[in-house]
PDB file of N, CA and C in Angstrom:
ATOM      1  N   UNK A   1       0.827  -1.181   0.000  1.00  0.00           N
ATOM      2  CA  UNK A   1       0.000   0.000   0.000  1.00  0.00           C
ATOM      3  C   UNK A   1       0.874   1.249   0.000  1.00  0.00           C
ATOM      4  N   UNK A   2       0.419   2.264  -0.732  1.00  0.00           N
ATOM      5  CA  UNK A   2       1.183   3.501  -0.766  1.00  0.00           C
ATOM      6  C   UNK A   2       0.722   4.423   0.360  1.00  0.00           C
ATOM      7  N   UNK A   3       1.578   5.368   0.682  1.00  0.00           N
ATOM      8  CA  UNK A   3       1.236   6.341   1.718  1.00  0.00           C
ATOM      9  C   UNK A   3       0.118   7.252   1.228  1.00  0.00           C
ATOM     10  N   UNK A   4      -0.775   7.660   2.124  1.00  0.00           N
ATOM     11  CA  UNK A   4      -1.855   8.562   1.702  1.00  0.00           C
ATOM     12  C   UNK A   4      -1.297   9.927   1.324  1.00  0.00           C
ATOM     13  N   UNK A   5      -1.979  10.564   0.399  1.00  0.00           N
ATOM     14  CA  UNK A   5      -1.578  11.906  -0.030  1.00  0.00           C
ATOM     15  C   UNK A   5      -2.129  12.912   0.969  1.00  0.00           C
ATOM     16  N   UNK A   6      -1.249  13.737   1.470  1.00  0.00           N
ATOM     17  CA  UNK A   6      -1.645  14.760   2.441  1.00  0.00           C
ATOM     18  C   UNK A   6      -1.580  16.117   1.741  1.00  0.00           C
ATOM     19  N   UNK A   7      -2.700  16.816   1.754  1.00  0.00           N
ATOM     20  CA  UNK A   7      -2.743  18.149   1.155  1.00  0.00           C
ATOM     21  C   UNK A   7      -2.665  19.182   2.269  1.00  0.00           C
ATOM     22  N   UNK A   8      -1.726  20.076   2.156  1.00  0.00           N
ATOM     23  CA  UNK A   8      -1.545  21.118   3.154  1.00  0.00           C
ATOM     24  C   UNK A   8      -1.966  22.449   2.544  1.00  0.00           C
ATOM     25  N   UNK A   9      -2.931  23.078   3.167  1.00  0.00           N
ATOM     26  CA  UNK A   9      -3.407  24.376   2.702  1.00  0.00           C
ATOM     27  C   UNK A   9      -2.452  25.464   3.203  1.00  0.00           C
ATOM     28  N   UNK A  10      -2.092  26.409   2.344  1.00  0.00           N
ATOM     29  CA  UNK A  10      -1.186  27.469   2.801  1.00  0.00           C
ATOM     30  C   UNK A  10      -1.862  28.352   3.846  1.00  0.00           C
ATOM     31  N   UNK A  11      -1.077  28.905   4.740  1.00  0.00           N
ATOM     32  CA  UNK A  11      -1.602  29.829   5.746  1.00  0.00           C
ATOM     33  C   UNK A  11      -1.758  31.231   5.181  1.00  0.00           C
ATOM     34  N   UNK A  12      -0.870  31.581   4.254  1.00  0.00           N
ATOM     35  CA  UNK A  12      -0.871  32.921   3.657  1.00  0.00           C
ATOM     36  C   UNK A  12      -0.621  32.793   2.162  1.00  0.00           C
ATOM     37  N   UNK A  13      -1.062  33.829   1.424  1.00  0.00           N
ATOM     38  CA  UNK A  13      -0.836  33.847  -0.025  1.00  0.00           C
ATOM     39  C   UNK A  13      -0.310  35.214  -0.436  1.00  0.00           C
ATOM     40  N   UNK A  14       0.322  35.257  -1.594  1.00  0.00           N
ATOM     41  CA  UNK A  14       0.831  36.511  -2.143  1.00  0.00           C
ATOM     42  C   UNK A  14      -0.324  37.353  -2.670  1.00  0.00           C
ATOM     43  N   UNK A  15      -0.032  38.609  -2.958  1.00  0.00           N
ATOM     44  CA  UNK A  15      -1.067  39.554  -3.376  1.00  0.00           C
ATOM     45  C   UNK A  15      -1.795  39.110  -4.635  1.00  0.00           C
ATOM     46  N   UNK A  16      -1.084  38.638  -5.633  1.00  0.00           N
ATOM     47  CA  UNK A  16      -1.748  38.240  -6.881  1.00  0.00           C
ATOM     48  C   UNK A  16      -2.691  37.051  -6.661  1.00  0.00           C
ATOM     49  N   UNK A  17      -2.291  36.111  -5.816  1.00  0.00           N
ATOM     50  CA  UNK A  17      -3.143  34.960  -5.511  1.00  0.00           C
ATOM     51  C   UNK A  17      -4.359  35.394  -4.684  1.00  0.00           C
ATOM     52  N   UNK A  18      -4.166  36.325  -3.743  1.00  0.00           N
ATOM     53  CA  UNK A  18      -5.282  36.822  -2.930  1.00  0.00           C
ATOM     54  C   UNK A  18      -6.310  37.520  -3.812  1.00  0.00           C
ATOM     55  N   UNK A  19      -5.851  38.338  -4.761  1.00  0.00           N
ATOM     56  CA  UNK A  19      -6.763  39.007  -5.688  1.00  0.00           C
ATOM     57  C   UNK A  19      -7.506  37.981  -6.535  1.00  0.00           C
ATOM     58  N   UNK A  20      -6.812  36.965  -6.979  1.00  0.00           N
ATOM     59  CA  UNK A  20      -7.423  35.903  -7.778  1.00  0.00           C
ATOM     60  C   UNK A  20      -8.476  35.156  -6.956  1.00  0.00           C
ATOM     61  N   UNK A  21      -8.195  34.906  -5.691  1.00  0.00           N
ATOM     62  CA  UNK A  21      -9.140  34.189  -4.833  1.00  0.00           C
ATOM     63  C   UNK A  21     -10.426  34.988  -4.625  1.00  0.00           C
ATOM     64  N   UNK A  22     -10.313  36.328  -4.589  1.00  0.00           N
ATOM     65  CA  UNK A  22     -11.492  37.178  -4.439  1.00  0.00           C
ATOM     66  C   UNK A  22     -12.124  37.514  -5.788  1.00  0.00           C
ATOM     67  N   UNK A  23     -11.509  37.067  -6.873  1.00  0.00           N
ATOM     68  CA  UNK A  23     -11.999  37.293  -8.230  1.00  0.00           C
ATOM     69  C   UNK A  23     -12.091  38.783  -8.551  1.00  0.00           C
ATOM     70  N   UNK A  24     -11.041  39.516  -8.175  1.00  0.00           N
ATOM     71  CA  UNK A  24     -10.946  40.935  -8.499  1.00  0.00           C
ATOM     72  C   UNK A  24      -9.587  41.192  -9.149  1.00  0.00           C
ATOM     73  N   UNK A  25      -9.473  42.329  -9.801  1.00  0.00           N
ATOM     74  CA  UNK A  25      -8.199  42.680 -10.428  1.00  0.00           C
ATOM     75  C   UNK A  25      -7.175  43.062  -9.358  1.00  0.00           C
ATOM     76  N   UNK A  26      -5.915  43.075  -9.750  1.00  0.00           N
ATOM     77  CA  UNK A  26      -4.852  43.440  -8.819  1.00  0.00           C
ATOM     78  C   UNK A  26      -5.042  44.867  -8.308  1.00  0.00           C
ATOM     79  N   UNK A  27      -5.453  45.790  -9.196  1.00  0.00           N
ATOM     80  CA  UNK A  27      -5.634  47.183  -8.766  1.00  0.00           C
ATOM     81  C   UNK A  27      -6.819  47.330  -7.817  1.00  0.00           C
ATOM     82  N   UNK A  28      -7.891  46.570  -8.054  1.00  0.00           N
ATOM     83  CA  UNK A  28      -9.033  46.593  -7.140  1.00  0.00           C
ATOM     84  C   UNK A  28      -8.630  46.031  -5.785  1.00  0.00           C
ATOM     85  N   UNK A  29      -7.845  44.972  -5.786  1.00  0.00           N
ATOM     86  CA  UNK A  29      -7.397  44.393  -4.521  1.00  0.00           C
ATOM     87  C   UNK A  29      -6.509  45.372  -3.770  1.00  0.00           C
ATOM     88  N   UNK A  30      -5.635  46.065  -4.470  1.00  0.00           N
ATOM     89  CA  UNK A  30      -4.779  47.064  -3.819  1.00  0.00           C
ATOM     90  C   UNK A  30      -5.617  48.167  -3.188  1.00  0.00           C
ATOM     91  N   UNK A  31      -6.674  48.596  -3.863  1.00  0.00           N
ATOM     92  CA  UNK A  31      -7.561  49.613  -3.298  1.00  0.00           C
ATOM     93  C   UNK A  31      -8.269  49.077  -2.051  1.00  0.00           C
ATOM     94  N   UNK A  32      -8.689  47.816  -2.094  1.00  0.00           N
ATOM     95  CA  UNK A  32      -9.339  47.211  -0.934  1.00  0.00           C
ATOM     96  C   UNK A  32      -8.392  47.132   0.260  1.00  0.00           C
ATOM     97  N   UNK A  33      -7.133  46.812   0.006  1.00  0.00           N
ATOM     98  CA  UNK A  33      -6.176  46.695   1.111  1.00  0.00           C
ATOM     99  C   UNK A  33      -5.936  48.031   1.795  1.00  0.00           C
ATOM    100  N   UNK A  34      -6.133  49.119   1.072  1.00  0.00           N
ATOM    101  CA  UNK A  34      -5.970  50.443   1.689  1.00  0.00           C
ATOM    102  C   UNK A  34      -7.167  50.820   2.548  1.00  0.00           C
ATOM    103  N   UNK A  35      -8.345  50.274   2.234  1.00  0.00           N
ATOM    104  CA  UNK A  35      -9.558  50.684   2.946  1.00  0.00           C
ATOM    105  C   UNK A  35     -10.093  49.640   3.925  1.00  0.00           C
ATOM    106  N   UNK A  36      -9.673  48.406   3.824  1.00  0.00           N
ATOM    107  CA  UNK A  36     -10.198  47.326   4.660  1.00  0.00           C
ATOM    108  C   UNK A  36      -9.117  46.779   5.595  1.00  0.00           C
ATOM    109  N   UNK A  37      -9.290  46.968   6.902  1.00  0.00           N
ATOM    110  CA  UNK A  37      -8.276  46.471   7.845  1.00  0.00           C
ATOM    111  C   UNK A  37      -8.060  44.950   7.776  1.00  0.00           C
ATOM    112  N   UNK A  38      -9.104  44.185   7.458  1.00  0.00           N
ATOM    113  CA  UNK A  38      -8.947  42.733   7.380  1.00  0.00           C
ATOM    114  C   UNK A  38      -8.047  42.296   6.233  1.00  0.00           C
ATOM    115  N   UNK A  39      -7.904  43.144   5.250  1.00  0.00           N
ATOM    116  CA  UNK A  39      -7.116  42.768   4.074  1.00  0.00           C
ATOM    117  C   UNK A  39      -5.698  43.324   4.107  1.00  0.00           C
ATOM    118  N   UNK A  40      -5.240  43.748   5.254  1.00  0.00           N
ATOM    119  CA  UNK A  40      -3.872  44.240   5.360  1.00  0.00           C
ATOM    120  C   UNK A  40      -2.918  43.046   5.382  1.00  0.00           C
ATOM    121  N   UNK A  41      -1.778  43.168   4.708  1.00  0.00           N
ATOM    122  CA  UNK A  41      -0.821  42.059   4.694  1.00  0.00           C
ATOM    123  C   UNK A  41      -0.047  41.972   6.008  1.00  0.00           C
ATOM    124  N   UNK A  42       0.573  40.826   6.203  1.00  0.00           N
ATOM    125  CA  UNK A  42       1.489  40.648   7.321  1.00  0.00           C
ATOM    126  C   UNK A  42       2.869  40.385   6.744  1.00  0.00           C
ATOM    127  N   UNK A  43       3.890  40.621   7.516  1.00  0.00           N
ATOM    128  CA  UNK A  43       5.249  40.346   7.067  1.00  0.00           C
ATOM    129  C   UNK A  43       5.617  38.914   7.399  1.00  0.00           C
ATOM    130  N   UNK A  44       6.100  38.214   6.401  1.00  0.00           N
ATOM    131  CA  UNK A  44       6.624  36.861   6.575  1.00  0.00           C
ATOM    132  C   UNK A  44       8.084  36.954   6.162  1.00  0.00           C
ATOM    133  N   UNK A  45       8.936  36.979   7.107  1.00  0.00           N
ATOM    134  CA  UNK A  45      10.339  37.231   6.820  1.00  0.00           C
ATOM    135  C   UNK A  45      10.592  38.733   6.806  1.00  0.00           C
ATOM    136  N   UNK A  46      11.726  39.123   6.320  1.00  0.00           N
ATOM    137  CA  UNK A  46      12.121  40.527   6.362  1.00  0.00           C
ATOM    138  C   UNK A  46      11.391  41.391   5.331  1.00  0.00           C
ATOM    139  N   UNK A  47      11.122  40.821   4.134  1.00  0.00           N
ATOM    140  CA  UNK A  47      10.575  41.648   3.059  1.00  0.00           C
ATOM    141  C   UNK A  47       9.428  41.008   2.289  1.00  0.00           C
ATOM    142  N   UNK A  48       8.799  39.999   2.835  1.00  0.00           N
ATOM    143  CA  UNK A  48       7.723  39.313   2.132  1.00  0.00           C
ATOM    144  C   UNK A  48       6.386  39.605   2.793  1.00  0.00           C
ATOM    145  N   UNK A  49       5.536  40.331   2.100  1.00  0.00           N
ATOM    146  CA  UNK A  49       4.186  40.611   2.583  1.00  0.00           C
ATOM    147  C   UNK A  49       3.253  39.533   2.049  1.00  0.00           C
ATOM    148  N   UNK A  50       2.459  38.966   2.939  1.00  0.00           N
ATOM    149  CA  UNK A  50       1.507  37.926   2.556  1.00  0.00           C
ATOM    150  C   UNK A  50       0.161  38.203   3.209  1.00  0.00           C
ATOM    151  N   UNK A  51      -0.887  37.601   2.640  1.00  0.00           N
ATOM    152  CA  UNK A  51      -2.255  37.803   3.112  1.00  0.00           C
ATOM    153  C   UNK A  51      -2.751  36.507   3.751  1.00  0.00           C
ATOM    154  N   UNK A  52      -3.056  36.526   5.047  1.00  0.00           N
ATOM    155  CA  UNK A  52      -3.542  35.310   5.713  1.00  0.00           C
ATOM    156  C   UNK A  52      -4.885  34.852   5.145  1.00  0.00           C
ATOM    157  N   UNK A  53      -5.005  33.565   4.863  1.00  0.00           N
ATOM    158  CA  UNK A  53      -6.259  33.024   4.330  1.00  0.00           C
ATOM    159  C   UNK A  53      -7.401  33.219   5.319  1.00  0.00           C
ATOM    160  N   UNK A  54      -7.122  33.135   6.603  1.00  0.00           N
ATOM    161  CA  UNK A  54      -8.172  33.332   7.610  1.00  0.00           C
ATOM    162  C   UNK A  54      -8.773  34.734   7.484  1.00  0.00           C
ATOM    163  N   UNK A  55      -7.936  35.738   7.220  1.00  0.00           N
ATOM    164  CA  UNK A  55      -8.434  37.111   7.055  1.00  0.00           C
ATOM    165  C   UNK A  55      -9.258  37.252   5.780  1.00  0.00           C
ATOM    166  N   UNK A  56      -8.821  36.607   4.704  1.00  0.00           N
ATOM    167  CA  UNK A  56      -9.580  36.662   3.449  1.00  0.00           C
ATOM    168  C   UNK A  56     -10.945  36.016   3.632  1.00  0.00           C
ATOM    169  N   UNK A  57     -10.984  34.888   4.319  1.00  0.00           N
ATOM    170  CA  UNK A  57     -12.264  34.202   4.561  1.00  0.00           C
ATOM    171  C   UNK A  57     -13.180  35.050   5.443  1.00  0.00           C
ATOM    172  N   UNK A  58     -12.614  35.662   6.470  1.00  0.00           N
ATOM    173  CA  UNK A  58     -13.419  36.504   7.358  1.00  0.00           C
ATOM    174  C   UNK A  58     -13.963  37.713   6.606  1.00  0.00           C
ATOM    175  N   UNK A  59     -13.142  38.302   5.735  1.00  0.00           N
ATOM    176  CA  UNK A  59     -13.590  39.438   4.930  1.00  0.00           C
ATOM    177  C   UNK A  59     -14.793  39.043   4.081  1.00  0.00           C
ATOM    178  N   UNK A  60     -14.700  37.905   3.402  1.00  0.00           N
ATOM    179  CA  UNK A  60     -15.796  37.441   2.542  1.00  0.00           C
ATOM    180  C   UNK A  60     -17.037  37.147   3.382  1.00  0.00           C
ATOM    181  N   UNK A  61     -16.859  36.531   4.537  1.00  0.00           N
ATOM    182  CA  UNK A  61     -17.996  36.162   5.387  1.00  0.00           C
ATOM    183  C   UNK A  61     -18.727  37.377   5.948  1.00  0.00           C
ATOM    184  N   UNK A  62     -18.045  38.502   6.073  1.00  0.00           N
ATOM    185  CA  UNK A  62     -18.669  39.697   6.661  1.00  0.00           C
ATOM    186  C   UNK A  62     -19.220  40.664   5.624  1.00  0.00           C
ATOM    187  N   UNK A  63     -19.124  40.333   4.350  1.00  0.00           N
ATOM    188  CA  UNK A  63     -19.666  41.208   3.304  1.00  0.00           C
ATOM    189  C   UNK A  63     -21.182  41.107   3.290  1.00  0.00           C
ATOM    190  N   UNK A  64     -21.859  42.225   3.026  1.00  0.00           N
ATOM    191  CA  UNK A  64     -23.329  42.181   2.938  1.00  0.00           C
ATOM    192  C   UNK A  64     -23.772  41.477   1.651  1.00  0.00           C
ATOM    193  N   UNK A  65     -25.001  41.005   1.663  1.00  0.00           N
ATOM    194  CA  UNK A  65     -25.565  40.379   0.472  1.00  0.00           C
ATOM    195  C   UNK A  65     -25.699  41.428  -0.631  1.00  0.00           C
ATOM    196  N   UNK A  66     -25.527  41.008  -1.851  1.00  0.00           N
ATOM    197  CA  UNK A  66     -25.595  41.914  -2.990  1.00  0.00           C
ATOM    198  C   UNK A  66     -27.036  42.140  -3.422  1.00  0.00           C
ATOM    199  N   UNK A  67     -27.324  43.379  -3.807  1.00  0.00           N
ATOM    200  CA  UNK A  67     -28.641  43.666  -4.373  1.00  0.00           C
ATOM    201  C   UNK A  67     -28.541  43.919  -5.874  1.00  0.00           C
ATOM    202  N   UNK A  68     -27.397  43.556  -6.456  1.00  0.00           N
ATOM    203  CA  UNK A  68     -27.200  43.698  -7.894  1.00  0.00           C
ATOM    204  C   UNK A  68     -28.009  42.631  -8.628  1.00  0.00           C
ATOM    205  N   UNK A  69     -28.420  42.954  -9.817  1.00  0.00           N
ATOM    206  CA  UNK A  69     -29.163  41.997 -10.641  1.00  0.00           C
ATOM    207  C   UNK A  69     -28.246  40.848 -11.044  1.00  0.00           C
ATOM    208  N   UNK A  70     -28.819  39.638 -11.239  1.00  0.00           N
ATOM    209  CA  UNK A  70     -27.996  38.524 -11.703  1.00  0.00           C
ATOM    210  C   UNK A  70     -27.454  38.802 -13.102  1.00  0.00           C
ATOM    211  N   UNK A  71     -26.339  38.185 -13.456  1.00  0.00           N
ATOM    212  CA  UNK A  71     -25.776  38.410 -14.779  1.00  0.00           C
ATOM    213  C   UNK A  71     -26.709  37.933 -15.885  1.00  0.00           C
ATOM    214  N   UNK A  72     -26.587  38.565 -17.051  1.00  0.00           N
ATOM    215  CA  UNK A  72     -27.390  38.193 -18.211  1.00  0.00           C
ATOM    216  C   UNK A  72     -27.096  36.748 -18.572  1.00  0.00           C
ATOM    217  N   UNK A  73     -28.153  35.999 -18.864  1.00  0.00           N
ATOM    218  CA  UNK A  73     -27.984  34.607 -19.268  1.00  0.00           C
ATOM    219  C   UNK A  73     -27.817  33.645 -18.118  1.00  0.00           C
ATOM    220  N   UNK A  74     -28.035  34.092 -16.876  1.00  0.00           N
ATOM    221  CA  UNK A  74     -27.844  33.205 -15.730  1.00  0.00           C
ATOM    222  C   UNK A  74     -29.045  32.308 -15.473  1.00  0.00           C
ATOM    223  N   UNK A  75     -30.172  32.569 -16.164  1.00  0.00           N
ATOM    224  CA  UNK A  75     -31.350  31.743 -15.982  1.00  0.00           C
ATOM    225  C   UNK A  75     -32.330  32.313 -14.984  1.00  0.00           C
ATOM    226  N   UNK A  76     -32.001  33.438 -14.369  1.00  0.00           N
ATOM    227  CA  UNK A  76     -32.907  34.071 -13.414  1.00  0.00           C
ATOM    228  C   UNK A  76     -33.521  35.300 -14.052  1.00  0.00           C
ATOM    229  N   UNK A  77     -34.741  35.570 -13.751  1.00  0.00           N
ATOM    230  CA  UNK A  77     -35.405  36.740 -14.297  1.00  0.00           C
ATOM    231  C   UNK A  77     -36.839  36.453 -14.651  1.00  0.00           C
ATOM    232  N   UNK A  78     -37.419  37.319 -15.472  1.00  0.00           N
ATOM    233  CA  UNK A  78     -38.840  37.224 -15.802  1.00  0.00           C
ATOM    234  C   UNK A  78     -39.224  35.862 -16.364  1.00  0.00           C
ATOM    235  N   UNK A  79     -38.432  35.348 -17.301  1.00  0.00           N
ATOM    236  CA  UNK A  79     -38.760  34.074 -17.935  1.00  0.00           C
ATOM    237  C   UNK A  79     -37.890  32.936 -17.415  1.00  0.00           C
ATOM    238  N   UNK A  80     -37.008  33.257 -16.485  1.00  0.00           N
ATOM    239  CA  UNK A  80     -36.072  32.246 -15.988  1.00  0.00           C
ATOM    240  C   UNK A  80     -36.607  31.491 -14.797  1.00  0.00           C
ATOM    241  N   UNK A  81     -35.713  30.873 -14.082  1.00  0.00           N
ATOM    242  CA  UNK A  81     -36.067  30.062 -12.924  1.00  0.00           C
ATOM    243  C   UNK A  81     -36.655  30.936 -11.822  1.00  0.00           C
ATOM    244  N   UNK A  82     -37.495  30.346 -11.031  1.00  0.00           N
ATOM    245  CA  UNK A  82     -38.083  31.033  -9.895  1.00  0.00           C
ATOM    246  C   UNK A  82     -37.420  30.530  -8.645  1.00  0.00           C
ATOM    247  N   UNK A  83     -36.995  31.443  -7.769  1.00  0.00           N
ATOM    248  CA  UNK A  83     -36.374  31.043  -6.525  1.00  0.00           C
ATOM    249  C   UNK A  83     -37.386  31.094  -5.409  1.00  0.00           C
ATOM    250  N   UNK A  84     -37.200  30.257  -4.426  1.00  0.00           N
ATOM    251  CA  UNK A  84     -38.132  30.206  -3.302  1.00  0.00           C
ATOM    252  C   UNK A  84     -37.880  31.312  -2.316  1.00  0.00           C
TER     253      UNK A  84
END
């Protein structure tokens, strides 16, 4: 029998990966980091700034629900699916 594969989730990610995880552009993420205390980086080593995954998850969990319309073609709307 082979050894089981162990997947280790990173504790922190670089800025480009954090922006990708939130599905925003790098410039939008940079603007968010200036205005949102939860999205401030921490120093890992002398010169490496990283974003803790726990902070990214907490930021997402505390966002209000969106009142924006669903995207075109999503199946929701006048002739689309009805939600309960």
